[in-house]
Amino acid sequence: MSHERGQRYSAEVPLRWSDMDAYGHVNNVQFLRLLEDARVIGFQEWFGQDRSLLDEGVLVARHEIEYLAPLTFRHAPISVDMWATRIGGAAFDLAYEVRDPAGVGDELYARAETTLVLYSFTTSTPRRLADDERAILERHEGEPVPFRWRRR
């Protein structure tokens, strides 16, 4: 595995029949689950199975989603590209693009960003990023999410 800075990570996430709304599209709320599933897959690979940020404590502080195209149910998974956009002392932002997997199509369904805060369950307080955690996030650090409102 290469460790160049700025690597996007791509996770394939399956859709569920129950993700659909009355219009036959994946419900907007279900996009949050797709992002969470991608984070769980990605963090396990980024930080290892024996020690994951999820096991040590991480809380969602903010979500922002821009819906770009309707996503209908299909049996093939969708791809969620993920990268870090801001890395602070105890928090970081993750960016996402929800799209068709390579070779399936070129539709981009949504862009999103989540602010995550590292948290100690022992002390019930935020905790700082360790040097090795910061280094892993920096390998996946990239440009801010190109939300449409930022281009105005």
N, C-alpha and C. Protein backbone atom coordinates (compact mmCIF):
# COMPACT_ATOMS: atom_id res chain seq x y z
N MET A 1 0.83 -1.18 0.00
CA MET A 1 0.00 0.00 0.00
C MET A 1 0.88 1.24 0.00
N SER A 2 0.59 2.15 -0.91
CA SER A 2 1.31 3.41 -0.99
C SER A 2 0.83 4.33 0.12
N HIS A 3 1.73 5.19 0.58
CA HIS A 3 1.35 6.12 1.64
C HIS A 3 1.54 7.56 1.20
N GLU A 4 1.19 7.86 -0.05
CA GLU A 4 1.26 9.22 -0.52
C GLU A 4 0.14 10.03 0.11
N ARG A 5 0.40 11.29 0.31
CA ARG A 5 -0.60 12.19 0.89
C ARG A 5 -1.72 12.42 -0.12
N GLY A 6 -2.93 12.58 0.39
CA GLY A 6 -4.06 12.92 -0.46
C GLY A 6 -4.79 11.74 -1.09
N GLN A 7 -4.62 10.56 -0.55
CA GLN A 7 -5.29 9.39 -1.11
C GLN A 7 -6.76 9.37 -0.70
N ARG A 8 -7.64 9.27 -1.69
CA ARG A 8 -9.05 9.04 -1.39
C ARG A 8 -9.24 7.56 -1.13
N TYR A 9 -10.15 7.26 -0.28
CA TYR A 9 -10.49 5.87 0.01
C TYR A 9 -11.89 5.63 -0.55
N SER A 10 -12.10 4.48 -1.15
CA SER A 10 -13.40 4.15 -1.71
C SER A 10 -13.92 2.87 -1.07
N ALA A 11 -15.13 2.95 -0.53
CA ALA A 11 -15.79 1.78 0.08
C ALA A 11 -17.03 1.46 -0.74
N GLU A 12 -17.24 0.19 -1.01
CA GLU A 12 -18.48 -0.22 -1.66
C GLU A 12 -19.48 -0.58 -0.58
N VAL A 13 -20.65 0.06 -0.65
CA VAL A 13 -21.68 -0.09 0.38
C VAL A 13 -22.95 -0.60 -0.28
N PRO A 14 -23.49 -1.72 0.21
CA PRO A 14 -24.73 -2.25 -0.38
C PRO A 14 -25.94 -1.41 0.02
N LEU A 15 -26.91 -1.37 -0.86
CA LEU A 15 -28.19 -0.74 -0.55
C LEU A 15 -29.13 -1.79 0.03
N ARG A 16 -30.09 -1.33 0.81
CA ARG A 16 -31.11 -2.23 1.36
C ARG A 16 -32.45 -1.85 0.75
N TRP A 17 -33.30 -2.84 0.56
CA TRP A 17 -34.64 -2.60 0.03
C TRP A 17 -35.37 -1.56 0.88
N SER A 18 -35.16 -1.62 2.19
CA SER A 18 -35.83 -0.71 3.11
C SER A 18 -35.28 0.72 3.04
N ASP A 19 -34.22 0.95 2.27
CA ASP A 19 -33.67 2.29 2.10
C ASP A 19 -34.58 3.18 1.25
N MET A 20 -35.47 2.57 0.48
CA MET A 20 -36.30 3.33 -0.46
C MET A 20 -37.44 4.04 0.25
N ASP A 21 -37.81 5.19 -0.33
CA ASP A 21 -38.99 5.91 0.15
C ASP A 21 -40.17 5.62 -0.78
N ALA A 22 -41.27 6.31 -0.59
CA ALA A 22 -42.48 6.06 -1.38
C ALA A 22 -42.29 6.39 -2.86
N TYR A 23 -41.27 7.16 -3.19
CA TYR A 23 -41.00 7.53 -4.59
C TYR A 23 -40.05 6.56 -5.29
N GLY A 24 -39.60 5.53 -4.58
CA GLY A 24 -38.69 4.55 -5.17
C GLY A 24 -37.24 4.97 -5.15
N HIS A 25 -36.92 6.06 -4.43
CA HIS A 25 -35.55 6.53 -4.31
C HIS A 25 -35.02 6.19 -2.92
N VAL A 26 -33.71 6.12 -2.80
CA VAL A 26 -33.11 5.96 -1.48
C VAL A 26 -33.45 7.22 -0.68
N ASN A 27 -34.05 7.03 0.47
CA ASN A 27 -34.50 8.13 1.30
C ASN A 27 -33.32 8.98 1.74
N ASN A 28 -33.53 10.29 1.83
CA ASN A 28 -32.43 11.19 2.19
C ASN A 28 -31.81 10.83 3.54
N VAL A 29 -32.59 10.38 4.49
CA VAL A 29 -32.05 10.01 5.80
C VAL A 29 -31.14 8.79 5.69
N GLN A 30 -31.43 7.89 4.76
CA GLN A 30 -30.62 6.69 4.61
C GLN A 30 -29.21 7.01 4.10
N PHE A 31 -29.03 8.16 3.49
CA PHE A 31 -27.68 8.55 3.07
C PHE A 31 -26.74 8.64 4.27
N LEU A 32 -27.26 9.06 5.42
CA LEU A 32 -26.42 9.10 6.62
C LEU A 32 -25.95 7.71 7.00
N ARG A 33 -26.80 6.71 6.84
CA ARG A 33 -26.39 5.33 7.11
C ARG A 33 -25.32 4.88 6.12
N LEU A 34 -25.48 5.25 4.85
CA LEU A 34 -24.47 4.88 3.85
C LEU A 34 -23.12 5.50 4.21
N LEU A 35 -23.12 6.74 4.65
CA LEU A 35 -21.87 7.39 5.06
C LEU A 35 -21.28 6.70 6.29
N GLU A 36 -22.13 6.35 7.24
CA GLU A 36 -21.66 5.65 8.44
C GLU A 36 -21.06 4.30 8.07
N ASP A 37 -21.74 3.55 7.20
CA ASP A 37 -21.21 2.26 6.76
C ASP A 37 -19.84 2.42 6.11
N ALA A 38 -19.69 3.46 5.27
CA ALA A 38 -18.40 3.71 4.63
C ALA A 38 -17.33 4.03 5.66
N ARG A 39 -17.67 4.84 6.68
CA ARG A 39 -16.71 5.17 7.75
C ARG A 39 -16.27 3.92 8.50
N VAL A 40 -17.21 3.06 8.82
CA VAL A 40 -16.87 1.84 9.56
C VAL A 40 -15.92 0.98 8.73
N ILE A 41 -16.21 0.80 7.45
CA ILE A 41 -15.35 0.02 6.56
C ILE A 41 -13.98 0.69 6.44
N GLY A 42 -13.99 2.00 6.18
CA GLY A 42 -12.74 2.73 5.98
C GLY A 42 -11.88 2.78 7.23
N PHE A 43 -12.47 3.08 8.37
CA PHE A 43 -11.69 3.18 9.60
C PHE A 43 -11.07 1.85 9.98
N GLN A 44 -11.76 0.77 9.71
CA GLN A 44 -11.18 -0.55 10.01
C GLN A 44 -9.92 -0.77 9.17
N GLU A 45 -9.99 -0.35 7.91
CA GLU A 45 -8.81 -0.50 7.05
C GLU A 45 -7.74 0.54 7.38
N TRP A 46 -8.12 1.76 7.65
CA TRP A 46 -7.16 2.82 7.94
C TRP A 46 -6.43 2.58 9.25
N PHE A 47 -7.19 2.28 10.30
CA PHE A 47 -6.63 2.21 11.64
C PHE A 47 -6.40 0.80 12.15
N GLY A 48 -6.83 -0.21 11.41
CA GLY A 48 -6.61 -1.60 11.79
C GLY A 48 -7.77 -2.19 12.57
N GLN A 49 -7.84 -3.51 12.52
CA GLN A 49 -8.93 -4.21 13.19
C GLN A 49 -8.76 -4.22 14.70
N ASP A 50 -7.53 -4.24 15.17
CA ASP A 50 -7.29 -4.34 16.61
C ASP A 50 -7.49 -3.01 17.33
N ARG A 51 -7.37 -1.91 16.59
CA ARG A 51 -7.48 -0.60 17.23
C ARG A 51 -8.14 0.37 16.26
N SER A 52 -9.39 0.61 16.47
CA SER A 52 -10.11 1.50 15.59
C SER A 52 -10.59 2.72 16.38
N LEU A 53 -10.69 3.84 15.70
CA LEU A 53 -11.26 5.02 16.34
C LEU A 53 -12.66 4.72 16.86
N LEU A 54 -13.36 3.85 16.18
CA LEU A 54 -14.72 3.51 16.60
C LEU A 54 -14.72 2.83 17.96
N ASP A 55 -13.72 1.99 18.22
CA ASP A 55 -13.62 1.31 19.50
C ASP A 55 -13.20 2.25 20.61
N GLU A 56 -12.34 3.20 20.28
CA GLU A 56 -11.79 4.10 21.29
C GLU A 56 -12.70 5.30 21.58
N GLY A 57 -13.59 5.62 20.68
CA GLY A 57 -14.54 6.69 20.89
C GLY A 57 -14.44 7.80 19.88
N VAL A 58 -15.48 7.97 19.10
CA VAL A 58 -15.58 9.07 18.16
C VAL A 58 -17.06 9.42 18.04
N LEU A 59 -17.35 10.71 18.09
CA LEU A 59 -18.73 11.18 18.03
C LEU A 59 -18.93 12.04 16.79
N VAL A 60 -20.12 11.96 16.22
CA VAL A 60 -20.48 12.82 15.10
C VAL A 60 -20.96 14.16 15.67
N ALA A 61 -20.34 15.24 15.22
CA ALA A 61 -20.72 16.57 15.68
C ALA A 61 -21.54 17.33 14.64
N ARG A 62 -21.37 16.97 13.36
CA ARG A 62 -22.05 17.71 12.29
C ARG A 62 -22.08 16.88 11.02
N HIS A 63 -23.19 17.00 10.27
CA HIS A 63 -23.30 16.43 8.92
C HIS A 63 -23.78 17.54 7.99
N GLU A 64 -23.27 17.51 6.78
CA GLU A 64 -23.80 18.36 5.71
C GLU A 64 -23.86 17.51 4.46
N ILE A 65 -25.03 17.51 3.81
CA ILE A 65 -25.21 16.68 2.61
C ILE A 65 -25.82 17.54 1.52
N GLU A 66 -25.28 17.38 0.32
CA GLU A 66 -25.85 18.01 -0.86
C GLU A 66 -26.27 16.89 -1.80
N TYR A 67 -27.58 16.79 -2.05
CA TYR A 67 -28.12 15.73 -2.91
C TYR A 67 -28.06 16.21 -4.35
N LEU A 68 -27.51 15.38 -5.22
CA LEU A 68 -27.28 15.80 -6.60
C LEU A 68 -28.11 15.04 -7.62
N ALA A 69 -28.48 13.80 -7.34
CA ALA A 69 -29.27 12.99 -8.26
C ALA A 69 -30.00 11.92 -7.45
N PRO A 70 -31.20 11.52 -7.90
CA PRO A 70 -31.91 10.47 -7.18
C PRO A 70 -31.18 9.13 -7.32
N LEU A 71 -31.11 8.41 -6.21
CA LEU A 71 -30.49 7.09 -6.18
C LEU A 71 -31.61 6.08 -5.99
N THR A 72 -31.79 5.20 -6.98
CA THR A 72 -32.82 4.18 -6.89
C THR A 72 -32.20 2.87 -6.42
N PHE A 73 -33.04 2.01 -5.85
CA PHE A 73 -32.54 0.73 -5.36
C PHE A 73 -31.98 -0.10 -6.51
N ARG A 74 -30.92 -0.80 -6.20
CA ARG A 74 -30.32 -1.79 -7.10
C ARG A 74 -29.57 -2.79 -6.25
N HIS A 75 -29.29 -3.94 -6.81
CA HIS A 75 -28.58 -4.97 -6.04
C HIS A 75 -27.09 -4.69 -5.95
N ALA A 76 -26.53 -4.01 -6.95
CA ALA A 76 -25.11 -3.66 -6.92
C ALA A 76 -24.87 -2.58 -5.88
N PRO A 77 -23.74 -2.62 -5.18
CA PRO A 77 -23.44 -1.58 -4.19
C PRO A 77 -23.14 -0.25 -4.85
N ILE A 78 -23.15 0.78 -4.04
CA ILE A 78 -22.70 2.09 -4.50
C ILE A 78 -21.30 2.31 -3.91
N SER A 79 -20.58 3.25 -4.48
CA SER A 79 -19.25 3.60 -3.98
C SER A 79 -19.34 4.87 -3.16
N VAL A 80 -18.66 4.87 -2.04
CA VAL A 80 -18.54 6.09 -1.24
C VAL A 80 -17.05 6.41 -1.16
N ASP A 81 -16.65 7.48 -1.86
CA ASP A 81 -15.28 7.97 -1.78
C ASP A 81 -15.18 8.83 -0.53
N MET A 82 -14.07 8.70 0.20
CA MET A 82 -13.94 9.35 1.49
C MET A 82 -12.53 9.90 1.63
N TRP A 83 -12.40 11.11 2.20
CA TRP A 83 -11.10 11.70 2.48
C TRP A 83 -11.25 12.72 3.60
N ALA A 84 -10.15 13.03 4.26
CA ALA A 84 -10.14 14.02 5.33
C ALA A 84 -9.98 15.41 4.72
N THR A 85 -10.70 16.40 5.26
CA THR A 85 -10.58 17.75 4.72
C THR A 85 -10.01 18.74 5.73
N ARG A 86 -10.18 18.48 7.01
CA ARG A 86 -9.63 19.35 8.05
C ARG A 86 -9.28 18.47 9.23
N ILE A 87 -8.07 18.63 9.72
CA ILE A 87 -7.61 17.83 10.84
C ILE A 87 -7.20 18.79 11.95
N GLY A 88 -7.92 18.74 13.06
CA GLY A 88 -7.65 19.62 14.19
C GLY A 88 -7.01 18.85 15.33
N GLY A 89 -7.10 19.42 16.53
CA GLY A 89 -6.51 18.79 17.70
C GLY A 89 -7.27 17.58 18.18
N ALA A 90 -8.60 17.69 18.26
CA ALA A 90 -9.44 16.59 18.75
C ALA A 90 -10.56 16.26 17.77
N ALA A 91 -10.60 16.95 16.65
CA ALA A 91 -11.68 16.74 15.68
C ALA A 91 -11.11 16.76 14.26
N PHE A 92 -11.88 16.19 13.35
CA PHE A 92 -11.52 16.23 11.94
C PHE A 92 -12.78 16.13 11.11
N ASP A 93 -12.68 16.60 9.87
CA ASP A 93 -13.79 16.52 8.94
C ASP A 93 -13.49 15.45 7.90
N LEU A 94 -14.51 14.69 7.57
CA LEU A 94 -14.42 13.71 6.50
C LEU A 94 -15.35 14.14 5.38
N ALA A 95 -14.85 14.08 4.17
CA ALA A 95 -15.63 14.40 2.98
C ALA A 95 -16.03 13.09 2.30
N TYR A 96 -17.15 13.14 1.57
CA TYR A 96 -17.63 11.96 0.87
C TYR A 96 -18.20 12.35 -0.49
N GLU A 97 -18.10 11.43 -1.43
CA GLU A 97 -18.86 11.50 -2.66
C GLU A 97 -19.51 10.14 -2.83
N VAL A 98 -20.83 10.13 -2.97
CA VAL A 98 -21.60 8.91 -3.16
C VAL A 98 -21.84 8.79 -4.65
N ARG A 99 -21.33 7.71 -5.24
CA ARG A 99 -21.34 7.59 -6.71
C ARG A 99 -21.49 6.15 -7.15
N ASP A 100 -21.64 5.99 -8.46
CA ASP A 100 -21.60 4.65 -9.04
C ASP A 100 -20.19 4.10 -8.90
N PRO A 101 -20.06 2.78 -8.68
CA PRO A 101 -18.73 2.19 -8.65
C PRO A 101 -18.06 2.29 -10.02
N ALA A 102 -16.75 2.21 -10.03
CA ALA A 102 -15.98 2.25 -11.29
C ALA A 102 -16.50 1.16 -12.21
N GLY A 103 -16.70 1.51 -13.47
CA GLY A 103 -17.14 0.55 -14.47
C GLY A 103 -18.64 0.36 -14.53
N VAL A 104 -19.40 0.95 -13.60
CA VAL A 104 -20.85 0.78 -13.59
C VAL A 104 -21.54 1.99 -14.21
N GLY A 105 -21.02 3.15 -13.96
CA GLY A 105 -21.60 4.40 -14.46
C GLY A 105 -20.77 5.56 -13.95
N ASP A 106 -21.27 6.76 -14.20
CA ASP A 106 -20.52 7.93 -13.74
C ASP A 106 -21.40 8.91 -12.99
N GLU A 107 -22.51 8.41 -12.43
CA GLU A 107 -23.42 9.29 -11.70
C GLU A 107 -22.88 9.62 -10.31
N LEU A 108 -22.97 10.89 -9.96
CA LEU A 108 -22.62 11.37 -8.62
C LEU A 108 -23.95 11.71 -7.94
N TYR A 109 -24.27 10.99 -6.86
CA TYR A 109 -25.57 11.14 -6.20
C TYR A 109 -25.56 12.17 -5.08
N ALA A 110 -24.46 12.28 -4.37
CA ALA A 110 -24.41 13.22 -3.25
C ALA A 110 -22.97 13.53 -2.89
N ARG A 111 -22.80 14.72 -2.30
CA ARG A 111 -21.54 15.11 -1.65
C ARG A 111 -21.90 15.36 -0.20
N ALA A 112 -20.95 15.07 0.69
CA ALA A 112 -21.25 15.27 2.11
C ALA A 112 -19.96 15.52 2.88
N GLU A 113 -20.15 16.02 4.09
CA GLU A 113 -19.03 16.22 5.01
C GLU A 113 -19.53 15.97 6.43
N THR A 114 -18.72 15.31 7.22
CA THR A 114 -19.03 15.01 8.62
C THR A 114 -17.89 15.51 9.49
N THR A 115 -18.23 16.20 10.57
CA THR A 115 -17.24 16.55 11.59
C THR A 115 -17.30 15.49 12.67
N LEU A 116 -16.15 14.91 12.97
CA LEU A 116 -16.04 13.87 13.99
C LEU A 116 -15.14 14.36 15.11
N VAL A 117 -15.51 14.07 16.34
CA VAL A 117 -14.75 14.47 17.51
C VAL A 117 -14.31 13.21 18.25
N LEU A 118 -13.01 13.10 18.51
CA LEU A 118 -12.51 11.98 19.30
C LEU A 118 -12.97 12.16 20.74
N TYR A 119 -13.36 11.05 21.36
CA TYR A 119 -14.00 11.13 22.66
C TYR A 119 -13.51 10.00 23.56
N SER A 120 -13.23 10.33 24.80
CA SER A 120 -12.84 9.33 25.79
C SER A 120 -14.07 8.94 26.60
N PHE A 121 -14.47 7.68 26.50
CA PHE A 121 -15.60 7.21 27.29
C PHE A 121 -15.25 7.12 28.77
N THR A 122 -13.96 6.98 29.06
CA THR A 122 -13.51 6.89 30.45
C THR A 122 -13.68 8.22 31.18
N THR A 123 -13.27 9.32 30.52
CA THR A 123 -13.33 10.63 31.16
C THR A 123 -14.54 11.46 30.72
N SER A 124 -15.29 10.96 29.73
CA SER A 124 -16.45 11.69 29.17
C SER A 124 -16.06 13.07 28.66
N THR A 125 -14.90 13.13 28.01
CA THR A 125 -14.40 14.39 27.44
C THR A 125 -13.77 14.11 26.08
N PRO A 126 -13.67 15.14 25.24
CA PRO A 126 -12.92 14.97 23.99
C PRO A 126 -11.47 14.61 24.30
N ARG A 127 -10.84 13.91 23.35
CA ARG A 127 -9.42 13.60 23.50
C ARG A 127 -8.68 14.04 22.24
N ARG A 128 -7.41 14.29 22.39
CA ARG A 128 -6.60 14.75 21.26
C ARG A 128 -6.23 13.59 20.34
N LEU A 129 -6.03 13.92 19.08
CA LEU A 129 -5.53 12.93 18.12
C LEU A 129 -4.13 12.51 18.50
N ALA A 130 -3.88 11.22 18.50
CA ALA A 130 -2.52 10.71 18.69
C ALA A 130 -1.73 10.95 17.40
N ASP A 131 -0.41 10.98 17.51
CA ASP A 131 0.45 11.23 16.34
C ASP A 131 0.20 10.22 15.23
N ASP A 132 0.04 8.93 15.57
CA ASP A 132 -0.17 7.92 14.53
C ASP A 132 -1.55 8.10 13.88
N GLU A 133 -2.57 8.49 14.64
CA GLU A 133 -3.89 8.75 14.07
C GLU A 133 -3.84 9.94 13.12
N ARG A 134 -3.14 10.98 13.53
CA ARG A 134 -2.99 12.17 12.68
C ARG A 134 -2.27 11.80 11.37
N ALA A 135 -1.22 10.99 11.46
CA ALA A 135 -0.47 10.59 10.26
C ALA A 135 -1.36 9.81 9.29
N ILE A 136 -2.20 8.95 9.82
CA ILE A 136 -3.11 8.18 8.96
C ILE A 136 -4.10 9.11 8.28
N LEU A 137 -4.68 10.03 9.02
CA LEU A 137 -5.63 10.98 8.43
C LEU A 137 -4.94 11.87 7.40
N GLU A 138 -3.71 12.28 7.67
CA GLU A 138 -2.98 13.12 6.71
C GLU A 138 -2.73 12.40 5.39
N ARG A 139 -2.58 11.09 5.42
CA ARG A 139 -2.41 10.34 4.17
C ARG A 139 -3.67 10.42 3.31
N HIS A 140 -4.80 10.67 3.95
CA HIS A 140 -6.07 10.74 3.23
C HIS A 140 -6.63 12.16 3.18
N GLU A 141 -5.77 13.14 3.43
CA GLU A 141 -6.22 14.54 3.44
C GLU A 141 -6.29 15.07 2.03
N GLY A 142 -7.36 15.81 1.75
CA GLY A 142 -7.54 16.36 0.41
C GLY A 142 -8.28 17.68 0.44
N GLU A 143 -8.78 18.05 -0.71
CA GLU A 143 -9.45 19.34 -0.91
C GLU A 143 -10.79 19.36 -0.18
N PRO A 144 -11.27 20.58 0.16
CA PRO A 144 -12.61 20.70 0.74
C PRO A 144 -13.67 20.17 -0.22
N VAL A 145 -14.80 19.80 0.33
CA VAL A 145 -15.91 19.32 -0.49
C VAL A 145 -16.36 20.45 -1.41
N PRO A 146 -16.50 20.20 -2.70
CA PRO A 146 -16.92 21.27 -3.62
C PRO A 146 -18.45 21.46 -3.62
N PHE A 147 -19.00 21.79 -2.44
CA PHE A 147 -20.43 22.06 -2.36
C PHE A 147 -20.78 23.20 -3.30
N ARG A 148 -21.97 23.15 -3.87
CA ARG A 148 -22.41 24.21 -4.80
C ARG A 148 -22.44 25.57 -4.12
N TRP A 149 -22.83 25.64 -2.85
CA TRP A 149 -22.92 26.94 -2.17
C TRP A 149 -21.55 27.58 -1.99
N ARG A 150 -20.48 26.78 -2.01
CA ARG A 150 -19.13 27.35 -1.88
C ARG A 150 -18.65 27.98 -3.17
N ARG A 151 -19.28 27.65 -4.28
CA ARG A 151 -18.85 28.18 -5.58
C ARG A 151 -19.52 29.49 -5.93
N ARG A 152 -20.36 30.00 -5.07
CA ARG A 152 -21.07 31.26 -5.38
C ARG A 152 -20.18 32.45 -5.20
